[in-house]
Amino acid sequence: MEASSTSGGVLQGAPRTGIWKDGAVQLSCPETFPEGTRFSVVPLLPIPERPTGHFVIIAGYGLSGRYIGELLKQSGIDFCIIDKNPSTVRTQQRLGHAAVEGDVAAEVTLRAAGIDRATILALSIPDEEAVARAAETARRLKPDIYILARCSFASRGLKAVQRGADDIITAEEEVALRFHERLTLLLTQTPSPAGAAS
């Protein structure tokens, strides 16, 4: 599950992940929230609690990549991070995560990250040309790998699919979903006196 907190109707921070257990959502974050904090909860597909034999390569460890990594960690699924930022790679290695510095579209980088045993490649980098090149290289190196690619618009995602991606996640779709979630939350709340006058 994904939860976003609101306090006084204002979104607080990035989405958090959690698990439905014993009739309640248990968040994976260590932070606490003020009494009465509301959460917008979006059910996600269940992830197996035990390892499934999957090994995932996460290309790009910005916000999207960290979110993917957290989900995989909670599920006990092994993964390796590829990132161009040496500081990010060193930090993740210090935290005990497999991490490789380099260009995700380079064969040497994908091999160092373990593409030979990977079942999924999550291309979460914001560079659409690099995503398309990486999809092509990964498909050549491991024809049966599942490639999930990030892109800004569906029209641009077609290039990644043509070059080897199995599926795309577009920013425009995610923005539309977030608007739907937030508007649904706002429209189901009792209007405040200030909002009633509008």
Protein backbone atom coordinates (compact mmCIF):
# COMPACT_ATOMS: atom_id res chain seq x y z
CA MET A 1 0.00 0.00 0.00
CA GLU A 2 1.05 3.55 -0.55
CA ALA A 3 0.06 6.22 1.94
CA SER A 4 0.42 10.00 1.88
CA SER A 5 -0.32 11.95 5.04
CA THR A 6 -2.27 15.18 5.26
CA SER A 7 -2.35 17.64 8.10
CA GLY A 8 -4.91 20.39 7.84
CA GLY A 9 -5.57 19.27 4.25
CA VAL A 10 -1.93 19.80 3.20
CA LEU A 11 0.12 16.91 1.85
CA GLN A 12 3.06 16.14 4.13
CA GLY A 13 6.15 14.66 2.47
CA ALA A 14 6.62 11.91 -0.07
CA PRO A 15 4.47 8.78 -0.32
CA ARG A 16 5.26 6.08 2.20
CA THR A 17 4.87 2.35 1.78
CA GLY A 18 3.11 0.09 4.22
CA ILE A 19 1.50 -3.31 4.61
CA TRP A 20 -2.07 -4.19 5.53
CA LYS A 21 -1.80 -6.39 8.63
CA ASP A 22 -4.21 -7.15 11.45
CA GLY A 23 -6.84 -4.78 10.09
CA ALA A 24 -4.59 -1.71 9.79
CA VAL A 25 -1.96 -0.22 7.51
CA GLN A 26 1.48 -0.51 9.09
CA LEU A 27 3.82 2.08 7.58
CA SER A 28 7.43 1.20 6.89
CA CYS A 29 8.70 4.66 7.91
CA PRO A 30 10.00 5.27 11.44
CA GLU A 31 8.46 8.73 11.77
CA THR A 32 5.45 9.55 13.93
CA PHE A 33 2.50 11.75 13.03
CA PRO A 34 0.27 14.05 15.09
CA GLU A 35 -2.95 12.57 16.45
CA GLY A 36 -5.69 12.91 13.86
CA THR A 37 -3.35 12.83 10.85
CA ARG A 38 -5.28 11.48 7.88
CA PHE A 39 -3.81 9.23 5.21
CA SER A 40 -4.74 8.75 1.59
CA VAL A 41 -4.17 5.02 1.02
CA VAL A 42 -3.80 3.50 -2.43
CA PRO A 43 -3.72 -0.32 -2.48
CA LEU A 44 -0.89 -1.73 -4.56
CA LEU A 45 -0.57 -5.27 -5.86
CA PRO A 46 0.65 -7.57 -3.10
CA ILE A 47 4.34 -8.36 -3.15
CA PRO A 48 5.27 -11.84 -1.93
CA GLU A 49 6.64 -11.86 1.61
CA ARG A 50 9.23 -14.48 0.72
CA PRO A 51 11.89 -14.26 -1.98
CA THR A 52 10.56 -15.46 -5.33
CA GLY A 53 13.84 -16.07 -7.11
CA HIS A 54 13.71 -12.61 -8.64
CA PHE A 55 16.74 -10.38 -8.86
CA VAL A 56 16.07 -6.78 -9.88
CA ILE A 57 18.40 -4.13 -11.27
CA ILE A 58 17.31 -0.58 -10.40
CA ALA A 59 18.82 1.96 -12.78
CA GLY A 60 18.78 5.40 -11.16
CA TYR A 61 18.49 5.79 -7.39
CA GLY A 62 16.67 9.09 -7.12
CA LEU A 63 13.23 9.27 -5.51
CA SER A 64 11.68 6.68 -7.85
CA GLY A 65 14.59 4.29 -7.50
CA ARG A 66 14.63 4.56 -3.71
CA TYR A 67 10.91 3.87 -3.63
CA ILE A 68 11.44 0.72 -5.72
CA GLY A 69 14.36 -0.32 -3.51
CA GLU A 70 12.30 0.09 -0.34
CA LEU A 71 9.52 -2.06 -1.78
CA LEU A 72 12.00 -4.78 -2.76
CA LYS A 73 13.74 -4.64 0.65
CA GLN A 74 10.41 -5.10 2.44
CA SER A 75 9.73 -8.11 0.26
CA GLY A 76 13.11 -9.77 0.69
CA ILE A 77 13.91 -9.51 -3.02
CA ASP A 78 17.57 -8.99 -3.95
CA PHE A 79 18.49 -6.03 -6.09
CA CYS A 80 21.44 -4.07 -7.41
CA ILE A 81 21.51 -0.32 -7.95
CA ILE A 82 23.09 1.39 -10.95
CA ASP A 83 23.70 5.12 -10.62
CA LYS A 84 26.05 7.65 -12.21
CA ASN A 85 26.52 9.55 -8.95
CA PRO A 86 29.56 8.14 -7.09
CA SER A 87 28.33 9.56 -3.79
CA THR A 88 24.99 7.76 -4.13
CA VAL A 89 26.76 4.50 -4.98
CA ARG A 90 29.16 4.78 -2.01
CA THR A 91 26.30 5.61 0.37
CA GLN A 92 24.24 2.64 -0.79
CA GLN A 93 27.25 0.33 -0.54
CA ARG A 94 27.87 1.53 3.04
CA LEU A 95 24.23 0.69 3.77
CA GLY A 96 24.88 -2.85 2.57
CA HIS A 97 23.24 -2.62 -0.85
CA ALA A 98 24.79 -3.90 -4.06
CA ALA A 99 25.51 -0.79 -6.13
CA VAL A 100 27.46 -0.08 -9.31
CA GLU A 101 28.58 3.29 -10.64
CA GLY A 102 28.24 3.76 -14.37
CA ASP A 103 26.16 4.29 -17.48
CA VAL A 104 23.17 1.93 -17.47
CA ALA A 105 23.32 1.69 -21.27
CA ALA A 106 26.88 0.31 -21.15
CA GLU A 107 27.30 -3.45 -21.38
CA VAL A 108 30.10 -3.43 -18.78
CA THR A 109 27.84 -1.67 -16.24
CA LEU A 110 24.90 -4.03 -16.78
CA ARG A 111 27.20 -7.05 -16.45
CA ALA A 112 28.73 -5.66 -13.23
CA ALA A 113 25.20 -5.21 -11.85
CA GLY A 114 24.37 -8.86 -12.55
CA ILE A 115 22.22 -8.78 -15.66
CA ASP A 116 23.01 -12.45 -16.27
CA ARG A 117 20.88 -13.40 -13.25
CA ALA A 118 18.44 -10.48 -13.26
CA THR A 119 14.77 -11.10 -13.98
CA ILE A 120 13.68 -7.45 -14.01
CA LEU A 121 15.36 -4.20 -15.04
CA ALA A 122 13.67 -1.08 -13.64
CA LEU A 123 14.85 1.92 -15.65
CA SER A 124 13.91 4.77 -13.32
CA ILE A 125 16.33 7.36 -14.70
CA PRO A 126 14.84 10.61 -16.05
CA ASP A 127 16.90 10.56 -19.29
CA GLU A 128 14.63 9.07 -21.98
CA GLU A 129 17.39 8.58 -24.54
CA ALA A 130 19.50 6.70 -21.97
CA VAL A 131 16.43 4.62 -21.08
CA ALA A 132 15.97 3.63 -24.75
CA ARG A 133 19.68 2.78 -25.16
CA ALA A 134 19.68 0.78 -21.91
CA ALA A 135 16.58 -1.16 -22.97
CA GLU A 136 18.27 -2.08 -26.24
CA THR A 137 21.52 -3.17 -24.57
CA ALA A 138 19.74 -5.13 -21.84
CA ARG A 139 17.49 -6.90 -24.35
CA ARG A 140 20.56 -7.95 -26.37
CA LEU A 141 22.40 -9.21 -23.27
CA LYS A 142 19.43 -11.00 -21.71
CA PRO A 143 16.50 -11.54 -24.09
CA ASP A 144 14.14 -12.86 -21.39
CA ILE A 145 14.58 -10.01 -18.88
CA TYR A 146 11.48 -7.92 -18.10
CA ILE A 147 12.24 -4.24 -18.71
CA LEU A 148 10.12 -1.55 -17.05
CA ALA A 149 10.97 1.94 -18.30
CA ARG A 150 10.24 5.45 -17.05
CA CYS A 151 9.36 8.22 -19.50
CA SER A 152 7.69 11.60 -19.41
CA PHE A 153 5.00 11.01 -22.03
CA ALA A 154 3.41 7.93 -23.58
CA SER A 155 4.46 9.14 -27.04
CA ARG A 156 8.11 9.11 -25.94
CA GLY A 157 7.71 5.72 -24.28
CA LEU A 158 7.10 4.16 -27.69
CA LYS A 159 10.80 4.60 -28.48
CA ALA A 160 11.78 2.63 -25.36
CA VAL A 161 9.31 -0.13 -26.27
CA GLN A 162 10.63 -0.27 -29.84
CA ARG A 163 14.14 -0.68 -28.45
CA GLY A 164 13.30 -3.42 -25.96
CA ALA A 165 11.21 -2.23 -22.99
CA ASP A 166 8.26 -4.44 -22.04
CA ASP A 167 6.31 -1.75 -20.25
CA ILE A 168 6.50 1.96 -19.54
CA ILE A 169 5.46 4.15 -16.66
CA THR A 170 4.74 7.69 -17.77
CA ALA A 171 4.92 10.84 -15.70
CA GLU A 172 1.71 12.14 -17.28
CA GLU A 173 -0.23 9.03 -16.15
CA GLU A 174 1.17 9.29 -12.63
CA VAL A 175 0.32 12.99 -12.41
CA ALA A 176 -3.23 12.22 -13.53
CA LEU A 177 -3.53 9.46 -10.90
CA ARG A 178 -2.20 11.75 -8.16
CA PHE A 179 -4.69 14.48 -9.11
CA HIS A 180 -7.47 11.90 -8.97
CA GLU A 181 -6.36 10.65 -5.53
CA ARG A 182 -5.98 14.13 -4.02
CA LEU A 183 -9.20 15.47 -5.53
CA THR A 184 -11.10 12.40 -4.33
CA LEU A 185 -9.74 13.01 -0.82
CA LEU A 186 -10.60 16.71 -0.91
CA LEU A 187 -14.07 16.15 -2.37
CA THR A 188 -14.98 13.60 0.31
CA GLN A 189 -14.07 15.96 3.17
CA THR A 190 -16.51 18.37 4.76
CA PRO A 191 -15.71 21.84 3.42
CA SER A 192 -14.14 24.26 5.88
CA PRO A 193 -15.99 27.54 6.55
CA ALA A 194 -13.50 29.35 4.28
CA GLY A 195 -14.05 26.75 1.54
CA ALA A 196 -17.84 26.92 1.89
CA ALA A 197 -17.87 30.60 0.91
CA SER A 198 -16.04 29.92 -2.37
